[in-house]
């Protein structure tokens, strides 16, 4: 679940931790903005599906059915 979100944060952490010059780091962050724009639909969809899953689980727990 949330594969693209984990990928995004993994890329950002890698950019932050990698020793490189300011200009190279800035170019990486600019590319990540492009990546974000290219994958925004998938990121939104993942959040939507995760929220539905959490709501369904909460309703099941509330109704007494504890199975995931």
C-alpha atoms as a PDB file:
ATOM      1  CA  UNK A   1       0.000   0.000   0.000  1.00  0.00           C
ATOM      2  CA  UNK A   2       1.142   3.547  -0.751  1.00  0.00           C
ATOM      3  CA  UNK A   3       3.921   2.330  -3.055  1.00  0.00           C
ATOM      4  CA  UNK A   4       4.381   5.658  -4.844  1.00  0.00           C
ATOM      5  CA  UNK A   5       4.409   7.591  -1.561  1.00  0.00           C
ATOM      6  CA  UNK A   6       7.165   5.356  -0.199  1.00  0.00           C
ATOM      7  CA  UNK A   7       9.053   5.807  -3.460  1.00  0.00           C
ATOM      8  CA  UNK A   8       8.697   9.607  -3.282  1.00  0.00           C
ATOM      9  CA  UNK A   9       9.939   9.831   0.304  1.00  0.00           C
ATOM     10  CA  UNK A  10      12.743   7.375  -0.455  1.00  0.00           C
ATOM     11  CA  UNK A  11      13.925   9.590  -3.322  1.00  0.00           C
ATOM     12  CA  UNK A  12      13.757  12.703  -1.162  1.00  0.00           C
ATOM     13  CA  UNK A  13      15.689  11.051   1.668  1.00  0.00           C
ATOM     14  CA  UNK A  14      18.316   9.853  -0.818  1.00  0.00           C
ATOM     15  CA  UNK A  15      18.732  13.335  -2.259  1.00  0.00           C
ATOM     16  CA  UNK A  16      19.053  14.794   1.229  1.00  0.00           C
ATOM     17  CA  UNK A  17      21.590  12.228   2.467  1.00  0.00           C
ATOM     18  CA  UNK A  18      23.789  12.020  -0.635  1.00  0.00           C
ATOM     19  CA  UNK A  19      26.864  14.220  -0.501  1.00  0.00           C
ATOM     20  CA  UNK A  20      26.655  16.535  -3.503  1.00  0.00           C
ATOM     21  CA  UNK A  21      26.963  20.174  -4.344  1.00  0.00           C
ATOM     22  CA  UNK A  22      24.186  22.687  -3.913  1.00  0.00           C
ATOM     23  CA  UNK A  23      23.568  22.991  -7.664  1.00  0.00           C
ATOM     24  CA  UNK A  24      23.266  19.202  -8.142  1.00  0.00           C
ATOM     25  CA  UNK A  25      20.944  18.923  -5.138  1.00  0.00           C
ATOM     26  CA  UNK A  26      18.761  21.740  -6.494  1.00  0.00           C
ATOM     27  CA  UNK A  27      18.531  19.987  -9.877  1.00  0.00           C
ATOM     28  CA  UNK A  28      17.498  16.756  -8.151  1.00  0.00           C
ATOM     29  CA  UNK A  29      14.736  18.560  -6.250  1.00  0.00           C
ATOM     30  CA  UNK A  30      13.534  20.215  -9.464  1.00  0.00           C
ATOM     31  CA  UNK A  31      13.384  16.798 -11.096  1.00  0.00           C
ATOM     32  CA  UNK A  32      11.405  15.504  -8.110  1.00  0.00           C
ATOM     33  CA  UNK A  33       8.879  18.294  -8.659  1.00  0.00           C
ATOM     34  CA  UNK A  34       8.469  16.994 -12.206  1.00  0.00           C
ATOM     35  CA  UNK A  35       8.171  13.429 -10.898  1.00  0.00           C
ATOM     36  CA  UNK A  36       5.502  14.628  -8.493  1.00  0.00           C
ATOM     37  CA  UNK A  37       3.557  16.244 -11.318  1.00  0.00           C
ATOM     38  CA  UNK A  38       3.834  13.096 -13.471  1.00  0.00           C
ATOM     39  CA  UNK A  39       2.645  10.855 -10.625  1.00  0.00           C
ATOM     40  CA  UNK A  40       0.147  13.113  -8.890  1.00  0.00           C
ATOM     41  CA  UNK A  41      -2.877  11.134 -10.114  1.00  0.00           C
ATOM     42  CA  UNK A  42      -1.433   7.867  -8.769  1.00  0.00           C
ATOM     43  CA  UNK A  43      -0.501   9.510  -5.461  1.00  0.00           C
ATOM     44  CA  UNK A  44      -4.030  10.851  -5.030  1.00  0.00           C
ATOM     45  CA  UNK A  45      -5.509   7.480  -5.927  1.00  0.00           C
ATOM     46  CA  UNK A  46      -3.313   5.725  -3.367  1.00  0.00           C
ATOM     47  CA  UNK A  47      -4.396   8.145  -0.632  1.00  0.00           C
ATOM     48  CA  UNK A  48      -8.036   7.695  -1.583  1.00  0.00           C
ATOM     49  CA  UNK A  49      -7.788   3.892  -1.520  1.00  0.00           C
ATOM     50  CA  UNK A  50      -5.883   3.929   1.792  1.00  0.00           C
ATOM     51  CA  UNK A  51      -8.505   6.158   3.395  1.00  0.00           C
ATOM     52  CA  UNK A  52     -11.293   3.863   2.197  1.00  0.00           C
ATOM     53  CA  UNK A  53      -9.450   0.850   3.591  1.00  0.00           C
ATOM     54  CA  UNK A  54      -9.003   2.538   6.968  1.00  0.00           C
ATOM     55  CA  UNK A  55     -12.662   3.572   7.109  1.00  0.00           C
ATOM     56  CA  UNK A  56     -13.803   0.044   6.258  1.00  0.00           C
ATOM     57  CA  UNK A  57     -11.578  -1.422   8.963  1.00  0.00           C
ATOM     58  CA  UNK A  58     -12.835   1.105  11.505  1.00  0.00           C
ATOM     59  CA  UNK A  59     -16.445   0.270  10.645  1.00  0.00           C
ATOM     60  CA  UNK A  60     -15.757  -3.465  10.960  1.00  0.00           C
ATOM     61  CA  UNK A  61     -14.143  -2.992  14.370  1.00  0.00           C
ATOM     62  CA  UNK A  62     -17.011  -0.773  15.483  1.00  0.00           C
ATOM     63  CA  UNK A  63     -19.608  -3.318  14.362  1.00  0.00           C
ATOM     64  CA  UNK A  64     -17.866  -6.077  16.286  1.00  0.00           C
ATOM     65  CA  UNK A  65     -16.190  -7.877  13.406  1.00  0.00           C
ATOM     66  CA  UNK A  66     -12.505  -7.606  14.328  1.00  0.00           C
ATOM     67  CA  UNK A  67     -11.064  -9.622  11.399  1.00  0.00           C
ATOM     68  CA  UNK A  68      -8.917  -7.411   9.112  1.00  0.00           C
END
